[in-house]
Amino acid sequence: MSTTNEDWPIRRDAVWKTEDQDLLTNIAKNDAHWAVRKAAVEKISDITILNLIESNDSDEIVRGAARIRISELSHEEIKKEVSQSLPVDQGKNCTDSYIDDCFEVDTTVLGIDHREWRDIPEASSIPSLANSGKRTEAFAQARELQAKLPDFYFPYFWIGVLHEEEGDFRQARTILQEGYQSCQRKQEICDRLARTEFKEGNLGEAVKWWIRSMVIRQRTKSYQDPDPYLYLSYIAKAFDMNKVGAYLTARSEKIRNVGLDSATVSSLQSLVQNQGTQPIKSAIQLASDKFLVETVDETSTTDDADASFRADPHIKKMLSETYAWAGAGASMNLNAVFKENKKMFALVQDTRALVLIGREARNEWVRWGAVNQLSDQASLVSIARAELSKGTPSSDVLSSLFGKLTDLEYLQTLASEAPDSGVRKRAEKRLQELRESD
C-alpha cells in the first residue's frame, strides 16, 4: 500500500467531482495511492473494467470496493430489467389490482446469488436431518445458518418447509416472507410461498407467488427449477387455457421432465373450479404472453430416432402391452418376469431405445427391465424423471433406479427438493450409501 504521495487527498477530492468514465478508469488503474483508486472505482459504471480491477489491483481494499460496485451495478441492472418486464407502466395501470400484485416484485434486495447450498456444510446437512426424522436438529441447524447468512435463501426455505410439514402455515408464511424481503435470490422463496398457499387452499395467492417467481427467473436467467411453469401449466389447463398450458408445459419440460401426481392435479383442478376468477386467469395469460416466446414445436424433445424406435414392431409391443405374464399383487410370478424380461431385452441393444422403453412402457415390469439393462447415468436420470412425473410411480422401478443412480447432483436435488417426502428419503439413503462406499 503506497502512502508516499502527500497530495493524495487533493487527487481523491478531484475524483469525487468528476464523472468522466475514461478519466476515472485511468485513475483506478494507475494512481499510486489506494484511497484515490478506491474513490475512482466507486464511480466507475463499466462492470468489465471493475472485474479487471477486482482481479488485478494490489490492494485488498480497492479489490473489495470493486466487488461492492459490481454488486451494486448488477442489482441496478436486474431491477431495471424486472421493471421493464412488468405488463404496463411497471405494472401499475392494469385493470385489476390483483394482476398488479402478481407482477409487483420487491427489488429492494434483488440480485444474482451464486452460492449453492451443496457447497456450504451447514446447509447441506439440513435436508439430511429433516429427511431422517431429526426435525429438532434440522430446525436448529437452519436457524443457526439463518443467523450466520441472513441474506441466503436456503435456511428460510427449509424453516418454512419444516413449519409447513407440522401444519403451521402461519409460521411457514412468516419466515418465508422474511426471506423474500432479505435475500437477493428470491425465486426459491417465491416457489415455496406458492406451495404453502396452495396447500392451505389459497389459489389466488399461490398463482401470485408462482408468477412472481417467473418474473424473477426470467430476468435473472435462473432456470434451475421448473416449479412455477409446472404448476401454472396444470392451472391453465384447468381454466381450459390449453395453448397457454402447452407453452408452460414445454418450458417446464425444457428445464426438467417432471410432472405432478394425480392427487396434486386433482387439488389444483378443484381449486380452479371453486376459486377461479377472471383476474387469476388474466394474470396467467399475461405472464405467458410476456415470458413464453417459444412455441411447443421449438421445445419438443421428440427426435427422429424415437420415431423410428416407436415404429419397430417389437418395441411398439413393449411400449403398449400390459403383459399378462407379470400378474399382479400376490399372484405375481417373478420367475416369469425375469424370464420374459431376458427374452424381450435380448432384442433391444440401442441405449436410446432402452431409455424410451424405460420412460414410456405401459407395464412397470418392462420399465424395470429397461432400467436393469442400463448403467449410463444420463439415461437413468432421464428414466427417473419420467417415473417420478407419473401420477403413481412404480415402487419397484424406483427401487431399481435408486440402486443404480450415482449422479450426486441429481440425488442431492431430489433429497432437497422432491415434493414427495418418500422420494427425498430414498435419495438421502442412496447418498449415504455412496458416501460410505467412498
Protein backbone atom coordinates (compact mmCIF):
# COMPACT_ATOMS: atom_id res chain seq x y z
CA MET A 1 0.00 0.00 0.00
CA SER A 2 1.53 3.30 -1.06
CA THR A 3 1.37 6.29 1.32
CA THR A 4 4.23 8.35 -0.12
CA ASN A 5 2.08 10.83 -2.08
CA GLU A 6 1.19 13.58 0.37
CA ASP A 7 -1.23 15.23 -2.05
CA TRP A 8 -3.44 12.15 -2.37
CA PRO A 9 -6.41 13.87 -0.59
CA ILE A 10 -6.43 16.54 -3.30
CA ARG A 11 -6.49 13.89 -6.03
CA ARG A 12 -9.23 11.98 -4.23
CA ASP A 13 -11.35 15.15 -3.92
CA ALA A 14 -10.89 15.74 -7.66
CA VAL A 15 -12.09 12.21 -8.34
CA TRP A 16 -15.23 12.88 -6.33
CA LYS A 17 -16.02 15.85 -8.58
CA THR A 18 -15.62 14.18 -11.99
CA GLU A 19 -17.99 11.93 -13.92
CA ASP A 20 -15.62 11.28 -16.84
CA GLN A 21 -15.54 7.48 -17.11
CA ASP A 22 -12.32 7.33 -19.16
CA LEU A 23 -10.54 9.53 -16.59
CA LEU A 24 -11.91 7.50 -13.69
CA THR A 25 -10.76 4.27 -15.33
CA ASN A 26 -7.26 5.67 -15.86
CA ILE A 27 -7.05 6.79 -12.22
CA ALA A 28 -8.39 3.50 -10.88
CA LYS A 29 -5.76 1.57 -12.84
CA ASN A 30 -2.73 3.84 -12.38
CA ASP A 31 -2.88 6.12 -9.34
CA ALA A 32 -0.21 5.36 -6.73
CA HIS A 33 -2.47 5.71 -3.69
CA TRP A 34 -5.10 3.12 -2.77
CA ALA A 35 -7.59 5.72 -1.47
CA VAL A 36 -7.59 7.57 -4.78
CA ARG A 37 -8.03 4.35 -6.73
CA LYS A 38 -10.85 3.31 -4.39
CA ALA A 39 -12.65 6.64 -4.91
CA ALA A 40 -12.43 6.18 -8.68
CA VAL A 41 -13.64 2.57 -8.50
CA GLU A 42 -16.72 3.69 -6.57
CA LYS A 43 -17.79 5.87 -9.54
CA ILE A 44 -16.98 3.54 -12.46
CA SER A 45 -20.05 2.12 -14.22
CA ASP A 46 -18.39 -0.43 -16.54
CA ILE A 47 -18.58 -3.90 -14.97
CA THR A 48 -15.91 -5.30 -17.34
CA ILE A 49 -13.38 -2.73 -16.11
CA LEU A 50 -14.39 -3.34 -12.50
CA ASN A 51 -13.85 -7.08 -12.93
CA LEU A 52 -10.30 -6.42 -14.17
CA ILE A 53 -9.59 -4.17 -11.19
CA GLU A 54 -11.11 -6.69 -8.78
CA SER A 55 -8.77 -9.36 -10.21
CA ASN A 56 -5.57 -7.31 -10.56
CA ASP A 57 -5.33 -4.44 -8.06
CA SER A 58 -2.57 -4.90 -5.49
CA ASP A 59 -4.67 -3.65 -2.55
CA GLU A 60 -7.49 -5.67 -0.95
CA ILE A 61 -9.43 -2.50 -0.04
CA VAL A 62 -9.57 -1.48 -3.70
CA ARG A 63 -10.48 -5.02 -4.79
CA GLY A 64 -13.22 -5.05 -2.16
CA ALA A 65 -14.56 -1.71 -3.41
CA ALA A 66 -14.67 -3.15 -6.94
CA ARG A 67 -16.64 -6.18 -5.73
CA ILE A 68 -19.15 -3.95 -3.97
CA ARG A 69 -19.52 -1.71 -7.02
CA ILE A 70 -20.03 -4.75 -9.31
CA SER A 71 -22.76 -5.98 -6.96
CA GLU A 72 -24.44 -2.55 -6.93
CA LEU A 73 -24.44 -2.30 -10.72
CA SER A 74 -25.69 -5.87 -11.11
CA HIS A 75 -28.60 -5.13 -8.77
CA GLU A 76 -29.45 -1.93 -10.63
CA GLU A 77 -29.48 -3.76 -13.97
CA ILE A 78 -31.68 -6.53 -12.61
CA LYS A 79 -34.10 -4.02 -11.08
CA LYS A 80 -34.29 -2.21 -14.41
CA GLU A 81 -34.98 -5.44 -16.30
CA VAL A 82 -37.62 -6.51 -13.78
CA SER A 83 -39.36 -3.15 -14.07
CA GLN A 84 -39.28 -3.42 -17.87
CA SER A 85 -40.75 -6.92 -17.65
CA LEU A 86 -43.91 -5.77 -15.89
CA PRO A 87 -47.03 -5.63 -18.01
CA VAL A 88 -47.92 -1.94 -18.31
CA ASP A 89 -46.18 1.12 -16.83
CA GLN A 90 -44.31 -1.02 -14.29
CA GLY A 91 -47.47 -2.98 -13.68
CA LYS A 92 -49.42 -0.07 -12.18
CA ASN A 93 -52.04 0.60 -14.84
CA CYS A 94 -53.61 -2.83 -15.23
CA THR A 95 -57.37 -3.01 -14.91
CA ASP A 96 -57.30 -5.18 -11.78
CA SER A 97 -55.26 -4.70 -8.61
CA TYR A 98 -54.76 -8.48 -8.31
CA ILE A 99 -52.87 -8.52 -11.62
CA ASP A 100 -50.76 -5.56 -10.45
CA ASP A 101 -49.93 -7.51 -7.30
CA CYS A 102 -48.84 -10.61 -9.23
CA PHE A 103 -46.20 -8.60 -11.10
CA GLU A 104 -45.13 -6.46 -8.14
CA VAL A 105 -41.63 -7.77 -7.36
CA ASP A 106 -39.73 -6.40 -4.35
CA THR A 107 -36.46 -5.12 -5.85
CA THR A 108 -35.14 -3.54 -2.64
CA VAL A 109 -32.85 -6.55 -2.27
CA LEU A 110 -32.63 -8.45 -5.54
CA GLY A 111 -29.67 -9.90 -7.37
CA ILE A 112 -27.87 -12.99 -8.58
CA ASP A 113 -26.56 -15.10 -5.69
CA HIS A 114 -24.25 -17.85 -6.92
CA ARG A 115 -23.91 -19.56 -3.52
CA GLU A 116 -25.15 -23.15 -3.63
CA TRP A 117 -26.37 -24.97 -0.54
CA ARG A 118 -24.42 -28.10 -1.51
CA ASP A 119 -21.15 -26.15 -1.11
CA ILE A 120 -21.97 -24.94 2.41
CA PRO A 121 -21.56 -27.69 5.05
CA GLU A 122 -24.04 -26.11 7.48
CA ALA A 123 -26.65 -26.02 4.69
CA SER A 124 -26.05 -29.43 3.13
CA SER A 125 -26.77 -31.18 6.43
CA ILE A 126 -30.26 -29.68 6.82
CA PRO A 127 -32.10 -31.88 4.26
CA SER A 128 -30.37 -34.98 5.65
CA LEU A 129 -31.52 -34.18 9.18
CA ALA A 130 -35.08 -33.38 8.08
CA ASN A 131 -35.43 -36.43 5.86
CA SER A 132 -34.15 -38.77 8.58
CA GLY A 133 -36.75 -37.52 11.06
CA LYS A 134 -34.38 -35.36 13.12
CA ARG A 135 -36.63 -32.33 12.89
CA THR A 136 -35.41 -30.58 16.04
CA GLU A 137 -31.81 -30.77 14.83
CA ALA A 138 -32.86 -29.61 11.37
CA PHE A 139 -34.67 -26.59 12.83
CA ALA A 140 -31.64 -25.73 14.96
CA GLN A 141 -29.21 -26.06 12.06
CA ALA A 142 -31.39 -23.94 9.77
CA ARG A 143 -31.80 -21.19 12.38
CA GLU A 144 -28.05 -21.18 13.03
CA LEU A 145 -27.40 -20.83 9.29
CA GLN A 146 -30.00 -18.06 9.05
CA ALA A 147 -28.17 -16.11 11.77
CA LYS A 148 -24.83 -16.67 10.02
CA LEU A 149 -26.05 -15.95 6.46
CA PRO A 150 -29.17 -13.76 6.82
CA ASP A 151 -29.22 -12.96 3.08
CA PHE A 152 -29.06 -16.61 1.92
CA TYR A 153 -32.36 -18.15 0.85
CA PHE A 154 -31.77 -21.78 1.95
CA PRO A 155 -32.38 -21.57 5.73
CA TYR A 156 -35.60 -19.59 5.23
CA PHE A 157 -36.72 -22.18 2.66
CA TRP A 158 -36.17 -25.12 4.98
CA ILE A 159 -37.56 -23.49 8.11
CA GLY A 160 -40.67 -22.83 6.01
CA VAL A 161 -40.77 -26.47 4.86
CA LEU A 162 -40.43 -27.76 8.42
CA HIS A 163 -43.20 -25.49 9.75
CA GLU A 164 -45.41 -26.44 6.82
CA GLU A 165 -44.93 -30.17 7.41
CA GLU A 166 -46.06 -29.60 11.01
CA GLY A 167 -49.20 -27.91 9.68
CA ASP A 168 -48.14 -24.47 10.93
CA PHE A 169 -48.82 -22.49 7.75
CA ARG A 170 -48.80 -19.15 9.55
CA GLN A 171 -45.22 -19.59 10.78
CA ALA A 172 -44.16 -21.01 7.41
CA ARG A 173 -45.56 -17.95 5.65
CA THR A 174 -43.94 -15.55 8.13
CA ILE A 175 -40.40 -16.95 7.80
CA LEU A 176 -40.66 -17.28 4.02
CA GLN A 177 -41.82 -13.68 3.64
CA GLU A 178 -38.91 -12.60 5.82
CA GLY A 179 -36.62 -14.47 3.43
CA TYR A 180 -38.29 -12.85 0.44
CA GLN A 181 -37.51 -9.41 1.84
CA SER A 182 -33.96 -10.26 2.98
CA CYS A 183 -32.47 -12.41 0.22
CA GLN A 184 -31.08 -11.49 -3.18
CA ARG A 185 -32.07 -14.89 -4.54
CA LYS A 186 -35.84 -14.82 -4.21
CA GLN A 187 -37.14 -17.34 -6.74
CA GLU A 188 -36.99 -20.40 -4.48
CA ILE A 189 -38.68 -18.42 -1.71
CA CYS A 190 -41.47 -17.44 -4.13
CA ASP A 191 -41.92 -21.08 -5.16
CA ARG A 192 -42.13 -22.21 -1.54
CA LEU A 193 -44.62 -19.49 -0.64
CA ALA A 194 -46.72 -20.58 -3.63
CA ARG A 195 -46.72 -24.19 -2.45
CA THR A 196 -47.61 -23.10 1.09
CA GLU A 197 -50.57 -21.08 -0.16
CA PHE A 198 -51.64 -23.94 -2.44
CA LYS A 199 -51.54 -26.46 0.41
CA GLU A 200 -53.66 -24.13 2.53
CA GLY A 201 -56.14 -23.83 -0.32
CA ASN A 202 -55.47 -20.25 -1.48
CA LEU A 203 -55.43 -20.37 -5.28
CA GLY A 204 -55.04 -16.62 -5.92
CA GLU A 205 -52.10 -16.25 -3.55
CA ALA A 206 -50.40 -19.37 -4.92
CA VAL A 207 -50.70 -18.12 -8.51
CA LYS A 208 -49.37 -14.71 -7.44
CA TRP A 209 -46.18 -16.19 -5.98
CA TRP A 210 -45.62 -18.51 -8.95
CA ILE A 211 -45.94 -15.57 -11.34
CA ARG A 212 -43.50 -13.54 -9.22
CA SER A 213 -41.10 -16.47 -9.41
CA MET A 214 -41.47 -16.44 -13.21
CA VAL A 215 -40.69 -12.70 -13.33
CA ILE A 216 -37.53 -13.13 -11.26
CA ARG A 217 -36.36 -16.29 -13.05
CA GLN A 218 -36.79 -14.76 -16.47
CA ARG A 219 -34.92 -11.57 -15.62
CA THR A 220 -32.10 -13.13 -13.58
CA LYS A 221 -31.77 -16.03 -16.07
CA SER A 222 -32.29 -18.51 -13.21
CA TYR A 223 -33.89 -21.58 -14.77
CA GLN A 224 -32.79 -24.30 -12.36
CA ASP A 225 -36.29 -25.31 -11.27
CA PRO A 226 -39.50 -25.83 -13.26
CA ASP A 227 -41.89 -25.19 -10.35
CA PRO A 228 -43.71 -22.02 -11.49
CA TYR A 229 -44.11 -23.24 -15.07
CA LEU A 230 -45.12 -26.75 -13.97
CA TYR A 231 -47.86 -25.76 -11.51
CA LEU A 232 -49.19 -22.93 -13.65
CA SER A 233 -49.43 -25.31 -16.63
CA TYR A 234 -51.92 -27.50 -14.77
CA ILE A 235 -53.84 -24.46 -13.51
CA ALA A 236 -54.03 -23.03 -17.04
CA LYS A 237 -55.36 -26.32 -18.39
CA ALA A 238 -57.96 -26.42 -15.59
CA PHE A 239 -59.07 -22.99 -16.84
CA ASP A 240 -59.32 -24.51 -20.38
CA MET A 241 -56.41 -22.29 -21.46
CA ASN A 242 -54.91 -25.19 -23.37
CA LYS A 243 -52.49 -23.20 -25.54
CA VAL A 244 -51.06 -21.36 -22.52
CA GLY A 245 -50.90 -24.68 -20.67
CA ALA A 246 -48.93 -26.21 -23.54
CA TYR A 247 -46.45 -23.32 -23.54
CA LEU A 248 -45.97 -23.62 -19.79
CA THR A 249 -45.56 -27.40 -20.02
CA ALA A 250 -42.97 -27.02 -22.78
CA ARG A 251 -40.94 -24.56 -20.71
CA SER A 252 -41.18 -26.82 -17.64
CA GLU A 253 -40.01 -29.88 -19.58
CA LYS A 254 -37.17 -27.90 -21.11
CA ILE A 255 -35.83 -27.40 -17.57
CA ARG A 256 -36.67 -30.82 -16.12
CA ASN A 257 -39.01 -33.56 -17.31
CA VAL A 258 -41.26 -33.95 -14.27
CA GLY A 259 -44.97 -33.86 -13.58
CA LEU A 260 -47.40 -33.67 -10.68
CA ASP A 261 -49.03 -36.67 -9.03
CA SER A 262 -52.73 -37.27 -9.57
CA ALA A 263 -53.73 -36.08 -6.08
CA THR A 264 -51.98 -32.74 -6.60
CA VAL A 265 -53.52 -32.31 -10.05
CA SER A 266 -56.96 -33.07 -8.61
CA SER A 267 -56.44 -30.48 -5.86
CA LEU A 268 -55.43 -27.82 -8.37
CA GLN A 269 -58.44 -28.58 -10.55
CA SER A 270 -60.75 -28.37 -7.54
CA LEU A 271 -59.30 -25.00 -6.51
CA VAL A 272 -59.76 -23.63 -10.03
CA GLN A 273 -63.36 -24.85 -10.06
CA ASN A 274 -64.14 -23.28 -6.67
CA GLN A 275 -61.89 -20.19 -6.61
CA GLY A 276 -61.01 -19.49 -10.24
CA THR A 277 -61.64 -15.89 -11.25
CA GLN A 278 -61.11 -13.82 -14.37
CA PRO A 279 -58.24 -11.79 -12.80
CA ILE A 280 -56.36 -15.02 -11.96
CA LYS A 281 -56.91 -16.27 -15.49
CA SER A 282 -55.83 -12.93 -16.97
CA ALA A 283 -52.66 -12.83 -14.86
CA ILE A 284 -51.61 -16.28 -16.13
CA GLN A 285 -52.37 -15.26 -19.70
CA LEU A 286 -50.33 -12.07 -19.29
CA ALA A 287 -47.37 -13.95 -17.80
CA SER A 288 -47.45 -16.38 -20.72
CA ASP A 289 -47.67 -13.59 -23.31
CA LYS A 290 -44.79 -11.72 -21.69
CA PHE A 291 -42.33 -14.51 -20.97
CA LEU A 292 -43.05 -17.62 -23.03
CA VAL A 293 -41.87 -16.77 -26.52
CA GLU A 294 -41.07 -20.35 -27.57
CA THR A 295 -43.59 -22.46 -29.41
CA VAL A 296 -44.37 -26.01 -28.44
CA ASP A 297 -42.66 -27.22 -31.60
CA GLU A 298 -39.44 -25.39 -30.72
CA THR A 299 -39.22 -27.04 -27.31
CA SER A 300 -40.25 -30.53 -28.37
CA THR A 301 -37.82 -33.24 -27.30
CA THR A 302 -39.06 -35.96 -29.67
CA ASP A 303 -36.48 -36.74 -32.36
CA ASP A 304 -36.30 -38.91 -35.46
CA ALA A 305 -34.61 -41.74 -33.57
CA ASP A 306 -37.53 -42.04 -31.15
CA ALA A 307 -39.94 -42.11 -34.07
CA SER A 308 -38.07 -44.96 -35.71
CA PHE A 309 -37.96 -46.95 -32.46
CA ARG A 310 -41.69 -46.47 -31.96
CA ALA A 311 -42.27 -47.90 -35.42
CA ASP A 312 -40.32 -51.07 -34.63
CA PRO A 313 -42.94 -53.86 -34.02
CA HIS A 314 -41.06 -55.39 -31.08
CA ILE A 315 -40.51 -52.09 -29.29
CA LYS A 316 -44.03 -50.93 -30.11
CA LYS A 317 -45.37 -54.03 -28.36
CA MET A 318 -43.10 -53.47 -25.35
CA LEU A 319 -44.36 -49.89 -25.04
CA SER A 320 -48.06 -50.65 -25.32
CA GLU A 321 -48.93 -54.09 -23.91
CA THR A 322 -49.80 -54.87 -20.29
CA TYR A 323 -48.35 -58.44 -20.44
CA ALA A 324 -50.43 -60.98 -18.58
CA TRP A 325 -47.35 -62.96 -17.55
CA ALA A 326 -46.48 -60.35 -14.92
CA GLY A 327 -49.66 -60.91 -12.94
CA ALA A 328 -50.39 -58.53 -10.09
CA GLY A 329 -50.00 -58.36 -6.33
CA ALA A 330 -49.76 -61.70 -4.57
CA SER A 331 -50.30 -63.59 -7.84
CA MET A 332 -47.20 -62.06 -9.42
CA ASN A 333 -44.92 -64.67 -10.97
CA LEU A 334 -41.42 -63.25 -10.52
CA ASN A 335 -39.80 -66.15 -12.36
CA ALA A 336 -41.95 -65.30 -15.37
CA VAL A 337 -40.98 -61.66 -15.04
CA PHE A 338 -37.26 -62.43 -15.10
CA LYS A 339 -37.61 -64.95 -17.93
CA GLU A 340 -39.75 -62.74 -20.16
CA ASN A 341 -37.60 -59.67 -19.48
CA LYS A 342 -34.47 -61.52 -20.51
CA LYS A 343 -36.15 -62.71 -23.71
CA MET A 344 -37.57 -59.28 -24.62
CA PHE A 345 -34.47 -57.23 -23.98
CA ALA A 346 -32.19 -59.62 -25.86
CA LEU A 347 -33.64 -58.00 -29.00
CA VAL A 348 -33.07 -54.39 -27.83
CA GLN A 349 -29.48 -53.18 -27.95
CA ASP A 350 -29.69 -49.43 -28.60
CA THR A 351 -29.37 -47.30 -25.46
CA ARG A 352 -31.82 -44.72 -26.82
CA ALA A 353 -34.43 -47.44 -27.35
CA LEU A 354 -33.89 -48.69 -23.79
CA VAL A 355 -34.39 -45.16 -22.45
CA LEU A 356 -37.60 -44.78 -24.47
CA ILE A 357 -38.90 -48.07 -23.06
CA GLY A 358 -37.82 -47.18 -19.53
CA ARG A 359 -39.62 -43.85 -19.75
CA GLU A 360 -42.82 -44.83 -21.55
CA ALA A 361 -43.61 -48.56 -21.34
CA ARG A 362 -47.12 -49.13 -20.03
CA ASN A 363 -46.12 -52.12 -17.89
CA GLU A 364 -43.97 -51.30 -14.86
CA TRP A 365 -42.01 -54.55 -15.13
CA VAL A 366 -40.99 -53.68 -18.67
CA ARG A 367 -39.76 -50.29 -17.40
CA TRP A 368 -37.99 -52.11 -14.57
CA GLY A 369 -36.32 -54.38 -17.13
CA ALA A 370 -35.08 -51.42 -19.15
CA VAL A 371 -33.52 -49.90 -16.03
CA ASN A 372 -31.65 -53.13 -15.36
CA GLN A 373 -30.10 -53.03 -18.85
CA LEU A 374 -28.61 -49.57 -18.32
CA SER A 375 -25.67 -48.10 -16.40
CA ASP A 376 -25.27 -44.73 -18.12
CA GLN A 377 -26.22 -42.08 -15.56
CA ALA A 378 -27.79 -39.65 -18.02
CA SER A 379 -30.09 -42.44 -19.22
CA LEU A 380 -31.03 -43.47 -15.68
CA VAL A 381 -31.71 -39.87 -14.66
CA SER A 382 -33.95 -39.44 -17.71
CA ILE A 383 -35.97 -42.52 -16.75
CA ALA A 384 -36.11 -41.44 -13.09
CA ARG A 385 -37.53 -38.06 -14.05
CA ALA A 386 -40.19 -39.71 -16.21
CA GLU A 387 -41.10 -42.22 -13.49
CA LEU A 388 -41.42 -39.52 -10.84
CA SER A 389 -43.67 -37.50 -13.15
CA LYS A 390 -46.23 -40.31 -13.25
CA GLY A 391 -49.32 -40.00 -11.08
CA THR A 392 -48.34 -43.18 -9.22
CA PRO A 393 -44.67 -44.07 -9.75
CA SER A 394 -43.78 -47.75 -9.51
CA SER A 395 -42.06 -48.58 -6.25
CA ASP A 396 -40.17 -51.43 -7.93
CA VAL A 397 -38.92 -49.22 -10.77
CA LEU A 398 -37.83 -46.57 -8.25
CA SER A 399 -36.05 -49.20 -6.14
CA SER A 400 -34.10 -50.38 -9.16
CA LEU A 401 -33.28 -46.79 -10.15
CA PHE A 402 -32.08 -45.76 -6.71
CA GLY A 403 -29.95 -48.88 -6.59
CA LYS A 404 -28.10 -47.74 -9.75
CA LEU A 405 -28.06 -43.95 -9.59
CA THR A 406 -24.69 -42.40 -8.76
CA ASP A 407 -25.32 -38.89 -10.11
CA LEU A 408 -24.68 -36.95 -6.90
CA GLU A 409 -26.07 -33.65 -8.16
CA TYR A 410 -29.37 -35.22 -9.21
CA LEU A 411 -29.64 -37.22 -5.97
CA GLN A 412 -28.90 -34.10 -3.91
CA THR A 413 -31.58 -32.20 -5.82
CA LEU A 414 -34.11 -34.94 -5.09
CA ALA A 415 -33.08 -35.12 -1.43
CA SER A 416 -33.63 -31.40 -1.03
CA GLU A 417 -36.42 -30.50 -3.43
CA ALA A 418 -38.55 -33.54 -4.34
CA PRO A 419 -42.19 -32.80 -3.39
CA ASP A 420 -42.69 -36.33 -2.03
CA SER A 421 -41.03 -37.00 1.33
CA GLY A 422 -40.61 -40.69 0.47
CA VAL A 423 -38.57 -39.80 -2.62
CA ARG A 424 -36.48 -37.38 -0.56
CA LYS A 425 -35.73 -40.16 1.93
CA ARG A 426 -34.82 -42.63 -0.83
CA ALA A 427 -32.44 -40.09 -2.35
CA GLU A 428 -30.88 -39.31 1.03
CA LYS A 429 -30.41 -43.02 1.73
CA ARG A 430 -28.70 -43.51 -1.64
CA LEU A 431 -26.42 -40.53 -1.00
CA GLN A 432 -25.46 -42.04 2.36
CA GLU A 433 -24.67 -45.38 0.69
CA LEU A 434 -22.45 -43.66 -1.86
CA ARG A 435 -20.63 -41.69 0.85
CA GLU A 436 -19.99 -44.84 2.85
CA SER A 437 -18.74 -46.70 -0.23
CA ASP A 438 -16.11 -43.97 -0.75
